[in-house]
Amino acid sequence: MATHKDAEKRQRQNEKRNARNRYYIKGMRFLNKEFHASLAEGDEKASAKLLSRNIRHIQKIAGKGIIHKNQANRRCSRLHSAFNKAFAKA
């Protein structure tokens, strides 16, 4: 437990940031689950829409520094690969 005034402030700031980061990461995971569910159903139009929403959200939180930019790129790449694999025109 913090005893100094500046340490108490730092603790309050960390709690706020932690809550905000959890909010964005939870949203990212929810969109990811929705996307994979639409892939499983085979709905290409819905999957494409969810893919763009998901990528926009991932890039947004990478820009805020919540996740690392390399992690964001890796996640986007995996989403694109899953989409292309599911709806490949063979």
C-alpha atoms as a PDB file:
ATOM      1  CA  MET A   1       0.000   0.000   0.000  1.00  0.00           C
ATOM      2  CA  ALA A   2       1.296   3.432  -0.944  1.00  0.00           C
ATOM      3  CA  THR A   3       2.146   5.767   1.908  1.00  0.00           C
ATOM      4  CA  HIS A   4       3.569   8.841   0.170  1.00  0.00           C
ATOM      5  CA  LYS A   5       1.334  11.357  -1.527  1.00  0.00           C
ATOM      6  CA  ASP A   6       2.952  10.921  -4.953  1.00  0.00           C
ATOM      7  CA  ALA A   7       2.856   7.126  -4.637  1.00  0.00           C
ATOM      8  CA  GLU A   8      -0.887   7.287  -3.848  1.00  0.00           C
ATOM      9  CA  LYS A   9      -1.467   9.430  -6.936  1.00  0.00           C
ATOM     10  CA  ARG A  10       0.548   7.015  -9.064  1.00  0.00           C
ATOM     11  CA  GLN A  11      -1.555   4.137  -7.744  1.00  0.00           C
ATOM     12  CA  ARG A  12      -4.803   5.964  -8.625  1.00  0.00           C
ATOM     13  CA  GLN A  13      -3.509   6.706 -12.136  1.00  0.00           C
ATOM     14  CA  ASN A  14      -2.465   3.084 -12.641  1.00  0.00           C
ATOM     15  CA  GLU A  15      -5.893   1.819 -11.586  1.00  0.00           C
ATOM     16  CA  LYS A  16      -7.604   4.178 -14.057  1.00  0.00           C
ATOM     17  CA  ARG A  17      -5.299   3.181 -16.907  1.00  0.00           C
ATOM     18  CA  ASN A  18      -5.664  -0.499 -16.074  1.00  0.00           C
ATOM     19  CA  ALA A  19      -9.459  -0.252 -16.186  1.00  0.00           C
ATOM     20  CA  ARG A  20      -9.371   1.631 -19.492  1.00  0.00           C
ATOM     21  CA  ASN A  21      -6.949  -0.869 -21.039  1.00  0.00           C
ATOM     22  CA  ARG A  22      -9.063  -3.822 -19.886  1.00  0.00           C
ATOM     23  CA  TYR A  23     -12.116  -2.206 -21.509  1.00  0.00           C
ATOM     24  CA  TYR A  24     -10.420  -1.915 -24.906  1.00  0.00           C
ATOM     25  CA  ILE A  25      -8.838  -5.383 -24.755  1.00  0.00           C
ATOM     26  CA  LYS A  26     -12.149  -6.950 -23.766  1.00  0.00           C
ATOM     27  CA  GLY A  27     -13.771  -5.239 -26.760  1.00  0.00           C
ATOM     28  CA  MET A  28     -11.041  -6.595 -29.019  1.00  0.00           C
ATOM     29  CA  ARG A  29     -11.605 -10.136 -27.763  1.00  0.00           C
ATOM     30  CA  PHE A  30     -15.371  -9.820 -28.173  1.00  0.00           C
ATOM     31  CA  LEU A  31     -15.012  -8.650 -31.793  1.00  0.00           C
ATOM     32  CA  ASN A  32     -12.575 -11.486 -32.424  1.00  0.00           C
ATOM     33  CA  LYS A  33     -15.083 -14.062 -31.132  1.00  0.00           C
ATOM     34  CA  GLU A  34     -17.872 -12.546 -33.243  1.00  0.00           C
ATOM     35  CA  PHE A  35     -15.651 -12.663 -36.322  1.00  0.00           C
ATOM     36  CA  HIS A  36     -14.700 -16.310 -35.827  1.00  0.00           C
ATOM     37  CA  ALA A  37     -18.339 -17.233 -35.196  1.00  0.00           C
ATOM     38  CA  SER A  38     -19.364 -15.648 -38.502  1.00  0.00           C
ATOM     39  CA  LEU A  39     -16.523 -17.522 -40.219  1.00  0.00           C
ATOM     40  CA  ALA A  40     -17.842 -20.782 -38.783  1.00  0.00           C
ATOM     41  CA  GLU A  41     -21.333 -19.960 -40.107  1.00  0.00           C
ATOM     42  CA  GLY A  42     -19.887 -19.234 -43.540  1.00  0.00           C
ATOM     43  CA  ASP A  43     -21.430 -15.767 -43.900  1.00  0.00           C
ATOM     44  CA  GLU A  44     -18.949 -13.915 -46.112  1.00  0.00           C
ATOM     45  CA  LYS A  45     -20.651 -10.500 -46.050  1.00  0.00           C
ATOM     46  CA  ALA A  46     -20.950 -10.422 -42.239  1.00  0.00           C
ATOM     47  CA  SER A  47     -17.404 -11.735 -41.867  1.00  0.00           C
ATOM     48  CA  ALA A  48     -16.026  -9.013 -44.129  1.00  0.00           C
ATOM     49  CA  LYS A  49     -17.836  -6.338 -42.125  1.00  0.00           C
ATOM     50  CA  LEU A  50     -16.602  -7.781 -38.824  1.00  0.00           C
ATOM     51  CA  LEU A  51     -13.084  -8.096 -40.224  1.00  0.00           C
ATOM     52  CA  SER A  52     -12.913  -4.382 -40.983  1.00  0.00           C
ATOM     53  CA  ARG A  53     -14.408  -3.460 -37.581  1.00  0.00           C
ATOM     54  CA  ASN A  54     -11.961  -5.759 -35.836  1.00  0.00           C
ATOM     55  CA  ILE A  55      -8.928  -4.390 -37.655  1.00  0.00           C
ATOM     56  CA  ARG A  56      -9.999  -0.792 -37.072  1.00  0.00           C
ATOM     57  CA  HIS A  57     -10.367  -1.510 -33.331  1.00  0.00           C
ATOM     58  CA  ILE A  58      -7.002  -3.280 -33.120  1.00  0.00           C
ATOM     59  CA  GLN A  59      -5.193  -0.439 -34.885  1.00  0.00           C
ATOM     60  CA  LYS A  60      -6.935   2.088 -32.652  1.00  0.00           C
ATOM     61  CA  ILE A  61      -5.767   0.455 -29.437  1.00  0.00           C
ATOM     62  CA  ALA A  62      -2.267  -0.042 -30.859  1.00  0.00           C
ATOM     63  CA  GLY A  63      -2.171   3.692 -31.535  1.00  0.00           C
ATOM     64  CA  LYS A  64      -3.129   4.355 -27.923  1.00  0.00           C
ATOM     65  CA  GLY A  65      -0.283   2.111 -26.750  1.00  0.00           C
ATOM     66  CA  ILE A  66      -2.552  -0.450 -25.124  1.00  0.00           C
ATOM     67  CA  ILE A  67      -1.053  -3.242 -27.207  1.00  0.00           C
ATOM     68  CA  HIS A  68       2.273  -3.222 -29.037  1.00  0.00           C
ATOM     69  CA  LYS A  69       2.235  -2.364 -32.738  1.00  0.00           C
ATOM     70  CA  ASN A  70       3.812  -5.707 -33.642  1.00  0.00           C
ATOM     71  CA  GLN A  71       1.091  -7.526 -31.722  1.00  0.00           C
ATOM     72  CA  ALA A  72      -1.517  -5.475 -33.582  1.00  0.00           C
ATOM     73  CA  ASN A  73       0.052  -6.344 -36.940  1.00  0.00           C
ATOM     74  CA  ARG A  74       0.225 -10.020 -36.017  1.00  0.00           C
ATOM     75  CA  ARG A  75      -3.433 -10.079 -34.955  1.00  0.00           C
ATOM     76  CA  CYS A  76      -4.561  -8.299 -38.135  1.00  0.00           C
ATOM     77  CA  SER A  77      -2.520 -10.664 -40.264  1.00  0.00           C
ATOM     78  CA  ARG A  78      -4.067 -13.698 -38.596  1.00  0.00           C
ATOM     79  CA  LEU A  79      -7.562 -12.308 -39.087  1.00  0.00           C
ATOM     80  CA  HIS A  80      -6.897 -11.695 -42.783  1.00  0.00           C
ATOM     81  CA  SER A  81      -5.462 -15.207 -43.207  1.00  0.00           C
ATOM     82  CA  ALA A  82      -8.466 -16.787 -41.509  1.00  0.00           C
ATOM     83  CA  PHE A  83     -10.832 -14.797 -43.719  1.00  0.00           C
ATOM     84  CA  ASN A  84      -8.942 -15.650 -46.917  1.00  0.00           C
ATOM     85  CA  LYS A  85      -8.696 -19.318 -45.957  1.00  0.00           C
ATOM     86  CA  ALA A  86     -12.422 -19.538 -45.200  1.00  0.00           C
ATOM     87  CA  PHE A  87     -13.561 -17.831 -48.394  1.00  0.00           C
ATOM     88  CA  ALA A  88     -10.867 -18.785 -50.898  1.00  0.00           C
ATOM     89  CA  LYS A  89     -12.172 -18.844 -54.438  1.00  0.00           C
ATOM     90  CA  ALA A  90     -10.850 -22.218 -55.587  1.00  0.00           C
END
